[in-house]
Amino acid sequence: MTAALASVGALDRTKYLGGSDVAGILGISPWRTPLDVYLDKVQPRTGPVDPAKQKIFTRGQRMEPYVIDLLAEETGLKIVGRGNRYRDQQHDFMAAEIDAEAASGENIEIKTVSPFKAKDWGEVQTDAIPVHYTAQAMHGLMVTGRQVCIFGVLIGGDDFRVYRVERDDETIAAIREKEVEFWGRIQRLDPPEATAVSDILRLFERDAGTSIEADGKVVEVFNRLRELKAKAKGLEYEIESAEERIKLFMQDHAQLTVNGKSVLTWKSQTTNRFDQSAFKEAHPALFEQFKKTSESRVFRLK
């Protein structure tokens, strides 16, 4: 084994690279870029967490004990540890929090998954799982020195699946190399390049009020964008015109059929909207108390 398996307790997430960081470092995370991981270490976010993301995170935390118990019942695995944290024996800036551990020596990772993501998970009892979770599993096996990571996955509320990821030393060596290189960037305060618009918005929340001359490549992209915008505007007009002709034909009918099969509906529906102007006029003090000013960078073509 490469690590002494003694839980180290609470750890400051800015002081180590964990399993949730590795996919971002490798550039294979659906949620975080390499720059996101870097900034989370050197300049952690201080603002409120996005409510939608917090809801998903909280739901996962609440469901985790239940899914661990479900895994034990389904597989017969004896659970001997939950939520333990370990440091890598070679590099103390590498650490892993393991959702659960089996008496037979496996790491256990628990995932609660939206039904819309079910297609990302392959045949049960195999390693056919999303690649970012494979990276997380390999990181955990690297730190703990263990050979197998079992995934207990609850999709929706009733589709429970079990997957098995076996240690691959070649992959682990590559991950270790990438993490060492990335931690060096953090130590040198040398950020990775921005790879997504979200990176730019995180680095530069406000514009500097200056201008920059486009180079040849950007001029080419700009001209293509202007051409596409013009086409889109023309298509919008055609779409509106087609919709109007169909509505004139339908009159008060709620449904349009072709060969007896429903292809389109135009039904009445009631929508309730908050009348901000009326509320401001009726309750100006309350409006001022609860109004929220937001700022964003608006992208406009001239």
C-alpha atoms as a PDB file:
ATOM      1  CA  MET A   1       0.000   0.000   0.000  1.00  0.00           C
ATOM      2  CA  THR A   2       1.096   3.577  -0.636  1.00  0.00           C
ATOM      3  CA  ALA A   3      -0.721   5.137   2.305  1.00  0.00           C
ATOM      4  CA  ALA A   4      -1.046   4.442   5.986  1.00  0.00           C
ATOM      5  CA  LEU A   5      -4.760   3.953   6.462  1.00  0.00           C
ATOM      6  CA  ALA A   6      -5.366   6.143   9.462  1.00  0.00           C
ATOM      7  CA  SER A   7      -8.089   8.756   9.083  1.00  0.00           C
ATOM      8  CA  VAL A   8      -6.656  12.265   9.398  1.00  0.00           C
ATOM      9  CA  GLY A   9      -9.940  13.938  10.353  1.00  0.00           C
ATOM     10  CA  ALA A  10     -10.995  17.357   9.090  1.00  0.00           C
ATOM     11  CA  LEU A  11      -8.928  18.959   6.325  1.00  0.00           C
ATOM     12  CA  ASP A  12      -8.865  22.443   4.804  1.00  0.00           C
ATOM     13  CA  ARG A  13      -9.916  21.941   1.172  1.00  0.00           C
ATOM     14  CA  THR A  14      -7.632  24.770   0.045  1.00  0.00           C
ATOM     15  CA  LYS A  15      -4.602  22.858   1.332  1.00  0.00           C
ATOM     16  CA  TYR A  16      -4.926  19.674  -0.688  1.00  0.00           C
ATOM     17  CA  LEU A  17      -6.137  18.127  -3.938  1.00  0.00           C
ATOM     18  CA  GLY A  18      -9.036  15.734  -3.423  1.00  0.00           C
ATOM     19  CA  GLY A  19     -11.120  13.323  -5.435  1.00  0.00           C
ATOM     20  CA  SER A  20     -13.607  16.034  -6.394  1.00  0.00           C
ATOM     21  CA  ASP A  21     -10.747  18.102  -7.854  1.00  0.00           C
ATOM     22  CA  VAL A  22      -9.070  15.562 -10.103  1.00  0.00           C
ATOM     23  CA  ALA A  23     -11.564  15.596 -13.001  1.00  0.00           C
ATOM     24  CA  GLY A  24     -11.342  19.388 -13.135  1.00  0.00           C
ATOM     25  CA  ILE A  25      -7.546  19.237 -13.130  1.00  0.00           C
ATOM     26  CA  LEU A  26      -7.626  16.752 -16.014  1.00  0.00           C
ATOM     27  CA  GLY A  27     -10.124  18.884 -17.955  1.00  0.00           C
ATOM     28  CA  ILE A  28     -12.829  16.188 -17.979  1.00  0.00           C
ATOM     29  CA  SER A  29     -15.248  17.577 -15.390  1.00  0.00           C
ATOM     30  CA  PRO A  30     -18.750  18.638 -16.494  1.00  0.00           C
ATOM     31  CA  TRP A  31     -18.779  21.256 -13.731  1.00  0.00           C
ATOM     32  CA  ARG A  32     -15.284  22.662 -13.140  1.00  0.00           C
ATOM     33  CA  THR A  33     -12.412  23.772 -15.343  1.00  0.00           C
ATOM     34  CA  PRO A  34      -8.719  23.593 -14.354  1.00  0.00           C
ATOM     35  CA  LEU A  35      -8.908  27.318 -13.574  1.00  0.00           C
ATOM     36  CA  ASP A  36     -11.925  26.736 -11.308  1.00  0.00           C
ATOM     37  CA  VAL A  37      -9.937  24.244  -9.244  1.00  0.00           C
ATOM     38  CA  TYR A  38      -6.951  26.589  -9.114  1.00  0.00           C
ATOM     39  CA  LEU A  39      -9.021  29.568  -7.958  1.00  0.00           C
ATOM     40  CA  ASP A  40     -10.884  27.437  -5.406  1.00  0.00           C
ATOM     41  CA  LYS A  41      -7.499  26.790  -3.782  1.00  0.00           C
ATOM     42  CA  VAL A  42      -5.910  30.238  -3.949  1.00  0.00           C
ATOM     43  CA  GLN A  43      -8.993  32.463  -3.961  1.00  0.00           C
ATOM     44  CA  PRO A  44     -12.028  30.561  -2.613  1.00  0.00           C
ATOM     45  CA  ARG A  45     -15.473  31.919  -3.432  1.00  0.00           C
ATOM     46  CA  THR A  46     -16.964  33.985  -0.632  1.00  0.00           C
ATOM     47  CA  GLY A  47     -20.413  34.718  -2.069  1.00  0.00           C
ATOM     48  CA  PRO A  48     -23.564  32.653  -1.485  1.00  0.00           C
ATOM     49  CA  VAL A  49     -23.744  29.212  -3.089  1.00  0.00           C
ATOM     50  CA  ASP A  50     -26.111  28.874  -6.029  1.00  0.00           C
ATOM     51  CA  PRO A  51     -29.422  27.637  -4.504  1.00  0.00           C
ATOM     52  CA  ALA A  52     -29.943  24.996  -7.201  1.00  0.00           C
ATOM     53  CA  LYS A  53     -26.455  23.562  -6.692  1.00  0.00           C
ATOM     54  CA  GLN A  54     -26.853  23.672  -2.917  1.00  0.00           C
ATOM     55  CA  LYS A  55     -30.140  21.777  -3.199  1.00  0.00           C
ATOM     56  CA  ILE A  56     -28.489  18.995  -5.213  1.00  0.00           C
ATOM     57  CA  PHE A  57     -25.542  18.834  -2.796  1.00  0.00           C
ATOM     58  CA  THR A  58     -27.798  18.706   0.269  1.00  0.00           C
ATOM     59  CA  ARG A  59     -29.988  16.007  -1.273  1.00  0.00           C
ATOM     60  CA  GLY A  60     -26.913  13.905  -1.999  1.00  0.00           C
ATOM     61  CA  GLN A  61     -25.675  14.267   1.572  1.00  0.00           C
ATOM     62  CA  ARG A  62     -29.038  13.250   3.009  1.00  0.00           C
ATOM     63  CA  MET A  63     -29.374  10.246   0.712  1.00  0.00           C
ATOM     64  CA  GLU A  64     -25.817   8.955   1.186  1.00  0.00           C
ATOM     65  CA  PRO A  65     -26.382   6.932   4.409  1.00  0.00           C
ATOM     66  CA  TYR A  66     -29.467   5.306   2.888  1.00  0.00           C
ATOM     67  CA  VAL A  67     -27.624   4.348  -0.313  1.00  0.00           C
ATOM     68  CA  ILE A  68     -24.699   2.923   1.695  1.00  0.00           C
ATOM     69  CA  ASP A  69     -27.142   0.732   3.624  1.00  0.00           C
ATOM     70  CA  LEU A  70     -28.825  -0.259   0.360  1.00  0.00           C
ATOM     71  CA  LEU A  71     -25.451  -1.241  -1.103  1.00  0.00           C
ATOM     72  CA  ALA A  72     -24.664  -3.370   1.943  1.00  0.00           C
ATOM     73  CA  GLU A  73     -28.031  -5.143   1.673  1.00  0.00           C
ATOM     74  CA  GLU A  74     -27.730  -5.743  -2.072  1.00  0.00           C
ATOM     75  CA  THR A  75     -24.098  -6.949  -2.092  1.00  0.00           C
ATOM     76  CA  GLY A  76     -23.517  -8.372   1.368  1.00  0.00           C
ATOM     77  CA  LEU A  77     -20.548  -6.048   1.885  1.00  0.00           C
ATOM     78  CA  LYS A  78     -19.799  -5.291   5.527  1.00  0.00           C
ATOM     79  CA  ILE A  79     -19.338  -1.543   6.020  1.00  0.00           C
ATOM     80  CA  VAL A  80     -16.511  -0.706   8.444  1.00  0.00           C
ATOM     81  CA  GLY A  81     -15.966   3.001   7.833  1.00  0.00           C
ATOM     82  CA  ARG A  82     -17.862   6.057   6.596  1.00  0.00           C
ATOM     83  CA  GLY A  83     -16.530   9.444   5.532  1.00  0.00           C
ATOM     84  CA  ASN A  84     -12.915   8.816   6.530  1.00  0.00           C
ATOM     85  CA  ARG A  85     -10.212  11.096   5.124  1.00  0.00           C
ATOM     86  CA  TYR A  86      -6.713   9.972   4.179  1.00  0.00           C
ATOM     87  CA  ARG A  87      -3.495  11.664   3.061  1.00  0.00           C
ATOM     88  CA  ASP A  88      -1.225  10.283   0.377  1.00  0.00           C
ATOM     89  CA  GLN A  89       2.020   8.859   1.765  1.00  0.00           C
ATOM     90  CA  GLN A  90       4.197  10.421  -0.944  1.00  0.00           C
ATOM     91  CA  HIS A  91       2.588  13.861  -1.177  1.00  0.00           C
ATOM     92  CA  ASP A  92       0.714  15.393   1.741  1.00  0.00           C
ATOM     93  CA  PHE A  93      -1.133  17.779  -0.604  1.00  0.00           C
ATOM     94  CA  MET A  94      -3.040  14.798  -1.994  1.00  0.00           C
ATOM     95  CA  ALA A  95      -5.925  13.517   0.100  1.00  0.00           C
ATOM     96  CA  ALA A  96      -9.170  11.617  -0.306  1.00  0.00           C
ATOM     97  CA  GLU A  97     -12.438  11.391   1.562  1.00  0.00           C
ATOM     98  CA  ILE A  98     -13.944   7.950   1.045  1.00  0.00           C
ATOM     99  CA  ASP A  99     -17.732   7.717   1.342  1.00  0.00           C
ATOM    100  CA  ALA A 100     -17.517   4.259   2.891  1.00  0.00           C
ATOM    101  CA  GLU A 101     -15.172   1.284   3.230  1.00  0.00           C
ATOM    102  CA  ALA A 102     -15.802  -2.451   3.183  1.00  0.00           C
ATOM    103  CA  ALA A 103     -14.275  -5.017   5.532  1.00  0.00           C
ATOM    104  CA  SER A 104     -13.073  -6.874   2.427  1.00  0.00           C
ATOM    105  CA  GLY A 105     -10.887  -3.890   1.470  1.00  0.00           C
ATOM    106  CA  GLU A 106     -12.848  -1.940  -1.147  1.00  0.00           C
ATOM    107  CA  ASN A 107     -13.322   1.807  -1.287  1.00  0.00           C
ATOM    108  CA  ILE A 108     -16.989   2.717  -1.716  1.00  0.00           C
ATOM    109  CA  GLU A 109     -18.299   5.795  -3.525  1.00  0.00           C
ATOM    110  CA  ILE A 110     -21.969   6.773  -3.432  1.00  0.00           C
ATOM    111  CA  LYS A 111     -23.758   8.696  -6.177  1.00  0.00           C
ATOM    112  CA  THR A 112     -27.344   9.933  -6.419  1.00  0.00           C
ATOM    113  CA  VAL A 113     -28.144  10.574 -10.063  1.00  0.00           C
ATOM    114  CA  SER A 114     -30.930  12.306 -11.958  1.00  0.00           C
ATOM    115  CA  PRO A 115     -32.966   9.964 -14.204  1.00  0.00           C
ATOM    116  CA  PHE A 116     -31.989  12.235 -17.101  1.00  0.00           C
ATOM    117  CA  LYS A 117     -28.365  11.125 -16.590  1.00  0.00           C
ATOM    118  CA  ALA A 118     -29.139   7.387 -16.502  1.00  0.00           C
ATOM    119  CA  LYS A 119     -27.809   6.906 -20.035  1.00  0.00           C
ATOM    120  CA  ASP A 120     -24.330   7.957 -18.833  1.00  0.00           C
ATOM    121  CA  TRP A 121     -24.124   4.780 -16.745  1.00  0.00           C
ATOM    122  CA  GLY A 122     -23.497   1.501 -18.548  1.00  0.00           C
ATOM    123  CA  GLU A 123     -23.853  -2.181 -17.716  1.00  0.00           C
ATOM    124  CA  VAL A 124     -24.003  -2.910 -13.990  1.00  0.00           C
ATOM    125  CA  GLN A 125     -21.126  -4.708 -12.239  1.00  0.00           C
ATOM    126  CA  THR A 126     -18.690  -3.209 -14.782  1.00  0.00           C
ATOM    127  CA  ASP A 127     -16.568  -0.050 -14.848  1.00  0.00           C
ATOM    128  CA  ALA A 128     -18.845   1.598 -17.445  1.00  0.00           C
ATOM    129  CA  ILE A 129     -19.292   4.841 -15.512  1.00  0.00           C
ATOM    130  CA  PRO A 130     -18.771   8.519 -16.429  1.00  0.00           C
ATOM    131  CA  VAL A 131     -15.066   9.223 -16.931  1.00  0.00           C
ATOM    132  CA  HIS A 132     -14.961  11.982 -14.290  1.00  0.00           C
ATOM    133  CA  TYR A 133     -16.079   9.470 -11.678  1.00  0.00           C
ATOM    134  CA  THR A 134     -13.463   6.992 -12.879  1.00  0.00           C
ATOM    135  CA  ALA A 135     -10.852   9.686 -12.234  1.00  0.00           C
ATOM    136  CA  GLN A 136     -12.251  10.223  -8.734  1.00  0.00           C
ATOM    137  CA  ALA A 137     -12.109   6.479  -8.065  1.00  0.00           C
ATOM    138  CA  MET A 138      -8.493   6.219  -9.256  1.00  0.00           C
ATOM    139  CA  HIS A 139      -7.505   9.152  -7.057  1.00  0.00           C
ATOM    140  CA  GLY A 140      -9.044   7.440  -4.038  1.00  0.00           C
ATOM    141  CA  LEU A 141      -7.287   4.164  -4.852  1.00  0.00           C
ATOM    142  CA  MET A 142      -4.029   6.072  -5.292  1.00  0.00           C
ATOM    143  CA  VAL A 143      -4.269   7.700  -1.869  1.00  0.00           C
ATOM    144  CA  THR A 144      -5.482   4.634   0.035  1.00  0.00           C
ATOM    145  CA  GLY A 145      -3.398   2.087  -1.836  1.00  0.00           C
ATOM    146  CA  ARG A 146      -6.431  -0.140  -2.302  1.00  0.00           C
ATOM    147  CA  GLN A 147      -7.280  -2.219  -5.353  1.00  0.00           C
ATOM    148  CA  VAL A 148     -11.015  -1.770  -5.975  1.00  0.00           C
ATOM    149  CA  CYS A 149     -13.626   0.976  -5.730  1.00  0.00           C
ATOM    150  CA  ILE A 150     -17.291  -0.019  -5.608  1.00  0.00           C
ATOM    151  CA  PHE A 151     -19.884   2.530  -6.735  1.00  0.00           C
ATOM    152  CA  GLY A 152     -23.370   2.398  -5.260  1.00  0.00           C
ATOM    153  CA  VAL A 153     -25.537   4.467  -7.598  1.00  0.00           C
ATOM    154  CA  LEU A 154     -29.166   5.439  -7.016  1.00  0.00           C
ATOM    155  CA  ILE A 155     -30.756   6.804 -10.179  1.00  0.00           C
ATOM    156  CA  GLY A 156     -33.974   8.657  -9.499  1.00  0.00           C
ATOM    157  CA  GLY A 157     -35.624   7.107  -6.466  1.00  0.00           C
ATOM    158  CA  ASP A 158     -35.709   3.399  -7.285  1.00  0.00           C
ATOM    159  CA  ASP A 159     -33.074   2.417  -9.877  1.00  0.00           C
ATOM    160  CA  PHE A 160     -30.165   1.128  -7.779  1.00  0.00           C
ATOM    161  CA  ARG A 161     -27.006  -0.044  -9.538  1.00  0.00           C
ATOM    162  CA  VAL A 162     -23.584  -1.314  -8.520  1.00  0.00           C
ATOM    163  CA  TYR A 163     -20.373  -0.677 -10.481  1.00  0.00           C
ATOM    164  CA  ARG A 164     -16.807  -1.844  -9.916  1.00  0.00           C
ATOM    165  CA  VAL A 165     -13.626   0.078 -10.819  1.00  0.00           C
ATOM    166  CA  GLU A 166     -10.327  -1.771 -10.446  1.00  0.00           C
ATOM    167  CA  ARG A 167      -7.000  -0.105  -9.782  1.00  0.00           C
ATOM    168  CA  ASP A 168      -4.947   0.733 -12.881  1.00  0.00           C
ATOM    169  CA  ASP A 169      -1.409   1.692 -11.920  1.00  0.00           C
ATOM    170  CA  GLU A 170      -0.613   3.276 -15.287  1.00  0.00           C
ATOM    171  CA  THR A 171      -3.627   5.570 -15.009  1.00  0.00           C
ATOM    172  CA  ILE A 172      -2.807   6.348 -11.381  1.00  0.00           C
ATOM    173  CA  ALA A 173       0.778   7.259 -12.293  1.00  0.00           C
ATOM    174  CA  ALA A 174      -0.516   9.686 -14.938  1.00  0.00           C
ATOM    175  CA  ILE A 175      -2.989  11.231 -12.467  1.00  0.00           C
ATOM    176  CA  ARG A 176      -0.263  11.596  -9.841  1.00  0.00           C
ATOM    177  CA  GLU A 177       1.997  13.355 -12.336  1.00  0.00           C
ATOM    178  CA  LYS A 178      -0.782  15.768 -13.323  1.00  0.00           C
ATOM    179  CA  GLU A 179      -1.635  16.529  -9.688  1.00  0.00           C
ATOM    180  CA  VAL A 180       2.019  17.194  -8.790  1.00  0.00           C
ATOM    181  CA  GLU A 181       2.295  19.546 -11.762  1.00  0.00           C
ATOM    182  CA  PHE A 182      -0.967  21.281 -10.842  1.00  0.00           C
ATOM    183  CA  TRP A 183       0.016  21.743  -7.201  1.00  0.00           C
ATOM    184  CA  GLY A 184       3.231  23.339  -8.421  1.00  0.00           C
ATOM    185  CA  ARG A 185       1.104  25.915 -10.236  1.00  0.00           C
ATOM    186  CA  ILE A 186      -0.776  26.626  -7.031  1.00  0.00           C
ATOM    187  CA  GLN A 187       2.467  27.082  -5.109  1.00  0.00           C
ATOM    188  CA  ARG A 188       3.865  29.425  -7.788  1.00  0.00           C
ATOM    189  CA  LEU A 189       0.538  31.274  -8.177  1.00  0.00           C
ATOM    190  CA  ASP A 190       0.678  30.360 -11.861  1.00  0.00           C
ATOM    191  CA  PRO A 191      -2.938  29.929 -13.043  1.00  0.00           C
ATOM    192  CA  PRO A 192      -3.823  27.588 -15.921  1.00  0.00           C
ATOM    193  CA  GLU A 193      -5.256  29.149 -19.060  1.00  0.00           C
ATOM    194  CA  ALA A 194      -8.943  30.008 -19.217  1.00  0.00           C
ATOM    195  CA  THR A 195     -10.779  27.355 -21.228  1.00  0.00           C
ATOM    196  CA  ALA A 196     -14.412  28.486 -20.899  1.00  0.00           C
ATOM    197  CA  VAL A 197     -16.425  31.709 -20.770  1.00  0.00           C
ATOM    198  CA  SER A 198     -17.163  30.916 -17.118  1.00  0.00           C
ATOM    199  CA  ASP A 199     -13.420  31.225 -16.478  1.00  0.00           C
ATOM    200  CA  ILE A 200     -13.327  34.700 -18.026  1.00  0.00           C
ATOM    201  CA  LEU A 201     -16.340  35.815 -15.982  1.00  0.00           C
ATOM    202  CA  ARG A 202     -14.748  34.515 -12.796  1.00  0.00           C
ATOM    203  CA  LEU A 203     -11.444  36.251 -13.528  1.00  0.00           C
ATOM    204  CA  PHE A 204     -12.962  39.467 -14.827  1.00  0.00           C
ATOM    205  CA  GLU A 205     -16.408  40.030 -13.321  1.00  0.00           C
ATOM    206  CA  ARG A 206     -16.401  43.652 -14.519  1.00  0.00           C
ATOM    207  CA  ASP A 207     -15.058  45.173 -17.707  1.00  0.00           C
ATOM    208  CA  ALA A 208     -12.048  47.497 -17.496  1.00  0.00           C
ATOM    209  CA  GLY A 209     -13.613  50.138 -19.733  1.00  0.00           C
ATOM    210  CA  THR A 210     -10.836  49.679 -22.305  1.00  0.00           C
ATOM    211  CA  SER A 211     -10.760  48.319 -25.863  1.00  0.00           C
ATOM    212  CA  ILE A 212      -8.634  45.665 -27.554  1.00  0.00           C
ATOM    213  CA  GLU A 213      -7.769  45.400 -31.258  1.00  0.00           C
ATOM    214  CA  ALA A 214      -8.875  42.126 -32.838  1.00  0.00           C
ATOM    215  CA  ASP A 215      -6.212  39.921 -34.397  1.00  0.00           C
ATOM    216  CA  GLY A 216      -6.712  38.070 -37.673  1.00  0.00           C
ATOM    217  CA  LYS A 217      -8.273  34.966 -36.125  1.00  0.00           C
ATOM    218  CA  VAL A 218     -10.748  36.953 -34.045  1.00  0.00           C
ATOM    219  CA  VAL A 219     -11.712  39.082 -37.069  1.00  0.00           C
ATOM    220  CA  GLU A 220     -12.515  35.852 -38.914  1.00  0.00           C
ATOM    221  CA  VAL A 221     -14.648  34.580 -36.017  1.00  0.00           C
ATOM    222  CA  PHE A 222     -16.369  37.978 -35.675  1.00  0.00           C
ATOM    223  CA  ASN A 223     -17.307  38.034 -39.365  1.00  0.00           C
ATOM    224  CA  ARG A 224     -18.675  34.502 -39.064  1.00  0.00           C
ATOM    225  CA  LEU A 225     -20.686  35.507 -35.980  1.00  0.00           C
ATOM    226  CA  ARG A 226     -22.182  38.493 -37.781  1.00  0.00           C
ATOM    227  CA  GLU A 227     -23.126  36.262 -40.710  1.00  0.00           C
ATOM    228  CA  LEU A 228     -24.777  33.713 -38.391  1.00  0.00           C
ATOM    229  CA  LYS A 229     -26.660  36.439 -36.509  1.00  0.00           C
ATOM    230  CA  ALA A 230     -28.067  37.744 -39.803  1.00  0.00           C
ATOM    231  CA  LYS A 231     -29.186  34.230 -40.778  1.00  0.00           C
ATOM    232  CA  ALA A 232     -30.758  33.690 -37.365  1.00  0.00           C
ATOM    233  CA  LYS A 233     -32.714  36.937 -37.662  1.00  0.00           C
ATOM    234  CA  GLY A 234     -34.041  35.844 -41.042  1.00  0.00           C
ATOM    235  CA  LEU A 235     -35.018  32.457 -39.631  1.00  0.00           C
ATOM    236  CA  GLU A 236     -36.819  34.109 -36.708  1.00  0.00           C
ATOM    237  CA  TYR A 237     -38.956  36.068 -39.188  1.00  0.00           C
ATOM    238  CA  GLU A 238     -39.727  32.895 -41.184  1.00  0.00           C
ATOM    239  CA  ILE A 239     -40.655  31.019 -37.991  1.00  0.00           C
ATOM    240  CA  GLU A 240     -42.977  33.807 -36.830  1.00  0.00           C
ATOM    241  CA  SER A 241     -44.581  33.961 -40.279  1.00  0.00           C
ATOM    242  CA  ALA A 242     -45.164  30.188 -40.364  1.00  0.00           C
ATOM    243  CA  GLU A 243     -46.640  30.212 -36.851  1.00  0.00           C
ATOM    244  CA  GLU A 244     -48.992  33.051 -37.796  1.00  0.00           C
ATOM    245  CA  ARG A 245     -50.287  31.201 -40.878  1.00  0.00           C
ATOM    246  CA  ILE A 246     -50.997  28.074 -38.830  1.00  0.00           C
ATOM    247  CA  LYS A 247     -52.761  30.069 -36.093  1.00  0.00           C
ATOM    248  CA  LEU A 248     -54.943  31.809 -38.681  1.00  0.00           C
ATOM    249  CA  PHE A 249     -55.930  28.376 -39.991  1.00  0.00           C
ATOM    250  CA  MET A 250     -56.630  26.890 -36.530  1.00  0.00           C
ATOM    251  CA  GLN A 251     -58.779  29.780 -35.246  1.00  0.00           C
ATOM    252  CA  ASP A 252     -60.339  28.489 -31.970  1.00  0.00           C
ATOM    253  CA  HIS A 253     -59.188  24.869 -32.357  1.00  0.00           C
ATOM    254  CA  ALA A 254     -56.788  23.611 -29.673  1.00  0.00           C
ATOM    255  CA  GLN A 255     -55.056  20.909 -31.695  1.00  0.00           C
ATOM    256  CA  LEU A 256     -53.710  20.380 -35.217  1.00  0.00           C
ATOM    257  CA  THR A 257     -53.558  16.881 -36.670  1.00  0.00           C
ATOM    258  CA  VAL A 258     -51.911  15.335 -39.723  1.00  0.00           C
ATOM    259  CA  ASN A 259     -53.380  12.006 -40.878  1.00  0.00           C
ATOM    260  CA  GLY A 260     -55.247  11.890 -37.581  1.00  0.00           C
ATOM    261  CA  LYS A 261     -52.073  12.263 -35.484  1.00  0.00           C
ATOM    262  CA  SER A 262     -51.629  15.280 -33.222  1.00  0.00           C
ATOM    263  CA  VAL A 263     -48.640  17.364 -34.338  1.00  0.00           C
ATOM    264  CA  LEU A 264     -49.279  20.712 -32.658  1.00  0.00           C
ATOM    265  CA  THR A 265     -51.377  22.268 -29.894  1.00  0.00           C
ATOM    266  CA  TRP A 266     -52.454  25.855 -29.280  1.00  0.00           C
ATOM    267  CA  LYS A 267     -54.155  25.826 -25.902  1.00  0.00           C
ATOM    268  CA  SER A 268     -55.226  28.509 -23.479  1.00  0.00           C
ATOM    269  CA  GLN A 269     -53.285  28.598 -20.238  1.00  0.00           C
ATOM    270  CA  THR A 270     -53.206  30.838 -17.187  1.00  0.00           C
ATOM    271  CA  THR A 271     -49.934  32.309 -15.965  1.00  0.00           C
ATOM    272  CA  ASN A 272     -49.439  34.169 -12.698  1.00  0.00           C
ATOM    273  CA  ARG A 273     -46.671  36.758 -12.699  1.00  0.00           C
ATOM    274  CA  PHE A 274     -45.472  39.081  -9.980  1.00  0.00           C
ATOM    275  CA  ASP A 275     -46.370  42.679 -10.858  1.00  0.00           C
ATOM    276  CA  GLN A 276     -43.191  44.411  -9.748  1.00  0.00           C
ATOM    277  CA  SER A 277     -44.286  47.897 -10.824  1.00  0.00           C
ATOM    278  CA  ALA A 278     -47.573  47.695  -8.907  1.00  0.00           C
ATOM    279  CA  PHE A 279     -45.815  46.351  -5.796  1.00  0.00           C
ATOM    280  CA  LYS A 280     -43.232  49.141  -5.944  1.00  0.00           C
ATOM    281  CA  GLU A 281     -45.986  51.745  -6.133  1.00  0.00           C
ATOM    282  CA  ALA A 282     -48.031  50.185  -3.306  1.00  0.00           C
ATOM    283  CA  HIS A 283     -45.114  49.306  -0.999  1.00  0.00           C
ATOM    284  CA  PRO A 284     -42.095  51.475  -1.883  1.00  0.00           C
ATOM    285  CA  ALA A 285     -40.294  50.858   1.432  1.00  0.00           C
ATOM    286  CA  LEU A 286     -40.599  47.077   1.143  1.00  0.00           C
ATOM    287  CA  PHE A 287     -39.510  47.213  -2.479  1.00  0.00           C
ATOM    288  CA  GLU A 288     -36.336  49.095  -1.512  1.00  0.00           C
ATOM    289  CA  GLN A 289     -35.689  46.675   1.348  1.00  0.00           C
ATOM    290  CA  PHE A 290     -35.857  43.532  -0.763  1.00  0.00           C
ATOM    291  CA  LYS A 291     -34.685  44.645  -4.193  1.00  0.00           C
ATOM    292  CA  LYS A 292     -31.485  43.009  -5.357  1.00  0.00           C
ATOM    293  CA  THR A 293     -29.045  44.660  -7.720  1.00  0.00           C
ATOM    294  CA  SER A 294     -27.126  42.307  -9.991  1.00  0.00           C
ATOM    295  CA  GLU A 295     -24.358  42.997 -12.447  1.00  0.00           C
ATOM    296  CA  SER A 296     -23.369  41.059 -15.549  1.00  0.00           C
ATOM    297  CA  ARG A 297     -21.306  41.582 -18.672  1.00  0.00           C
ATOM    298  CA  VAL A 298     -23.564  41.961 -21.716  1.00  0.00           C
ATOM    299  CA  PHE A 299     -22.257  40.781 -25.107  1.00  0.00           C
ATOM    300  CA  ARG A 300     -23.622  42.975 -27.946  1.00  0.00           C
ATOM    301  CA  LEU A 301     -22.836  42.937 -31.647  1.00  0.00           C
ATOM    302  CA  LYS A 302     -22.602  46.345 -33.343  1.00  0.00           C
END
